[in-house]
Amino acid sequence: MKEAGKPLSAGEVEKITGIDRKEIDKAFKELKAENAIVSPVRCKWEPA
């Protein structure tokens, strides 16, 4: 996310990394709970 320089959706992360979408969603959920990522725009995420 930092390298992209912009907020990313889970789908964009999937395309960039090749990681399964379910794993990304699980990681996003954990990162949100830890306040490690924030959503400046709907469905887009960036490091806090």
N, C-alpha and C. Protein backbone atom coordinates (compact mmCIF):
# COMPACT_ATOMS: atom_id res chain seq x y z
N MET A 1 0.81 -1.18 0.00
CA MET A 1 0.00 0.00 0.00
C MET A 1 0.86 1.26 0.00
N LYS A 2 1.92 1.22 0.80
CA LYS A 2 2.81 2.38 0.85
C LYS A 2 3.47 2.62 -0.50
N GLU A 3 3.88 1.54 -1.16
CA GLU A 3 4.55 1.68 -2.46
C GLU A 3 3.62 2.21 -3.54
N ALA A 4 2.34 1.89 -3.44
CA ALA A 4 1.37 2.35 -4.44
C ALA A 4 1.17 3.86 -4.34
N GLY A 5 1.32 4.40 -3.14
CA GLY A 5 1.19 5.84 -2.96
C GLY A 5 -0.24 6.34 -3.01
N LYS A 6 -1.20 5.42 -2.91
CA LYS A 6 -2.61 5.80 -2.93
C LYS A 6 -3.40 4.73 -2.19
N PRO A 7 -4.61 5.06 -1.75
CA PRO A 7 -5.46 4.05 -1.12
C PRO A 7 -5.81 2.95 -2.12
N LEU A 8 -5.84 1.70 -1.63
CA LEU A 8 -6.12 0.55 -2.50
C LEU A 8 -7.31 -0.24 -2.00
N SER A 9 -8.03 -0.84 -2.93
CA SER A 9 -9.12 -1.76 -2.58
C SER A 9 -8.53 -3.15 -2.43
N ALA A 10 -9.29 -4.05 -1.87
CA ALA A 10 -8.84 -5.43 -1.72
C ALA A 10 -8.57 -6.05 -3.10
N GLY A 11 -9.39 -5.71 -4.07
CA GLY A 11 -9.20 -6.23 -5.43
C GLY A 11 -7.90 -5.77 -6.05
N GLU A 12 -7.53 -4.52 -5.79
CA GLU A 12 -6.26 -4.01 -6.32
C GLU A 12 -5.08 -4.69 -5.64
N VAL A 13 -5.19 -4.92 -4.34
CA VAL A 13 -4.13 -5.62 -3.61
C VAL A 13 -3.99 -7.03 -4.17
N GLU A 14 -5.10 -7.67 -4.48
CA GLU A 14 -5.08 -9.02 -5.05
C GLU A 14 -4.35 -9.04 -6.39
N LYS A 15 -4.63 -8.08 -7.25
CA LYS A 15 -3.98 -8.01 -8.56
C LYS A 15 -2.48 -7.77 -8.43
N ILE A 16 -2.10 -6.90 -7.51
CA ILE A 16 -0.68 -6.54 -7.34
C ILE A 16 0.12 -7.69 -6.75
N THR A 17 -0.47 -8.35 -5.72
CA THR A 17 0.29 -9.36 -4.97
C THR A 17 0.04 -10.79 -5.41
N GLY A 18 -1.13 -11.06 -5.98
CA GLY A 18 -1.48 -12.42 -6.35
C GLY A 18 -1.99 -13.25 -5.18
N ILE A 19 -2.18 -12.61 -4.03
CA ILE A 19 -2.69 -13.28 -2.84
C ILE A 19 -4.20 -13.47 -3.00
N ASP A 20 -4.71 -14.59 -2.51
CA ASP A 20 -6.13 -14.90 -2.59
C ASP A 20 -6.97 -13.83 -1.89
N ARG A 21 -8.09 -13.45 -2.49
CA ARG A 21 -8.96 -12.38 -1.97
C ARG A 21 -9.45 -12.68 -0.55
N LYS A 22 -9.74 -13.93 -0.25
CA LYS A 22 -10.21 -14.28 1.09
C LYS A 22 -9.15 -13.98 2.13
N GLU A 23 -7.89 -14.26 1.79
CA GLU A 23 -6.78 -13.97 2.71
C GLU A 23 -6.61 -12.47 2.91
N ILE A 24 -6.78 -11.71 1.84
CA ILE A 24 -6.67 -10.25 1.91
C ILE A 24 -7.77 -9.69 2.81
N ASP A 25 -9.01 -10.15 2.59
CA ASP A 25 -10.12 -9.68 3.41
C ASP A 25 -9.89 -10.00 4.89
N LYS A 26 -9.36 -11.18 5.17
CA LYS A 26 -9.06 -11.58 6.55
C LYS A 26 -7.99 -10.66 7.15
N ALA A 27 -6.94 -10.39 6.38
CA ALA A 27 -5.87 -9.52 6.85
C ALA A 27 -6.38 -8.09 7.05
N PHE A 28 -7.20 -7.59 6.12
CA PHE A 28 -7.77 -6.25 6.26
C PHE A 28 -8.59 -6.14 7.54
N LYS A 29 -9.37 -7.19 7.84
CA LYS A 29 -10.20 -7.18 9.04
C LYS A 29 -9.33 -7.06 10.29
N GLU A 30 -8.24 -7.83 10.32
CA GLU A 30 -7.33 -7.77 11.46
C GLU A 30 -6.63 -6.42 11.55
N LEU A 31 -6.19 -5.90 10.41
CA LEU A 31 -5.52 -4.60 10.41
C LEU A 31 -6.46 -3.47 10.83
N LYS A 32 -7.73 -3.56 10.43
CA LYS A 32 -8.71 -2.56 10.85
C LYS A 32 -8.89 -2.61 12.36
N ALA A 33 -8.97 -3.80 12.92
CA ALA A 33 -9.15 -3.97 14.37
C ALA A 33 -7.97 -3.39 15.14
N GLU A 34 -6.79 -3.44 14.55
CA GLU A 34 -5.58 -2.92 15.19
C GLU A 34 -5.36 -1.44 14.87
N ASN A 35 -6.27 -0.85 14.09
CA ASN A 35 -6.15 0.54 13.63
C ASN A 35 -4.87 0.78 12.84
N ALA A 36 -4.42 -0.25 12.12
CA ALA A 36 -3.20 -0.14 11.32
C ALA A 36 -3.50 0.40 9.91
N ILE A 37 -4.77 0.27 9.49
CA ILE A 37 -5.18 0.83 8.20
C ILE A 37 -6.44 1.66 8.40
N VAL A 38 -6.61 2.66 7.53
CA VAL A 38 -7.78 3.53 7.57
C VAL A 38 -8.38 3.63 6.18
N SER A 39 -9.64 4.01 6.13
CA SER A 39 -10.35 4.12 4.86
C SER A 39 -10.68 5.59 4.57
N PRO A 40 -9.85 6.26 3.75
CA PRO A 40 -10.13 7.66 3.42
C PRO A 40 -11.28 7.81 2.42
N VAL A 41 -11.52 6.75 1.65
CA VAL A 41 -12.60 6.71 0.69
C VAL A 41 -13.26 5.34 0.81
N ARG A 42 -14.52 5.27 0.51
CA ARG A 42 -15.25 4.00 0.65
C ARG A 42 -14.55 2.87 -0.11
N CYS A 43 -14.34 1.75 0.58
CA CYS A 43 -13.76 0.52 0.01
C CYS A 43 -12.30 0.66 -0.41
N LYS A 44 -11.62 1.69 0.00
CA LYS A 44 -10.19 1.87 -0.28
C LYS A 44 -9.49 2.01 1.06
N TRP A 45 -8.30 1.44 1.14
CA TRP A 45 -7.57 1.43 2.41
C TRP A 45 -6.14 1.91 2.25
N GLU A 46 -5.60 2.50 3.32
CA GLU A 46 -4.21 2.94 3.34
C GLU A 46 -3.67 2.80 4.75
N PRO A 47 -2.35 2.74 4.89
CA PRO A 47 -1.77 2.62 6.22
C PRO A 47 -2.16 3.81 7.09
N ALA A 48 -2.38 3.56 8.37
CA ALA A 48 -2.76 4.62 9.30
C ALA A 48 -1.58 5.52 9.60
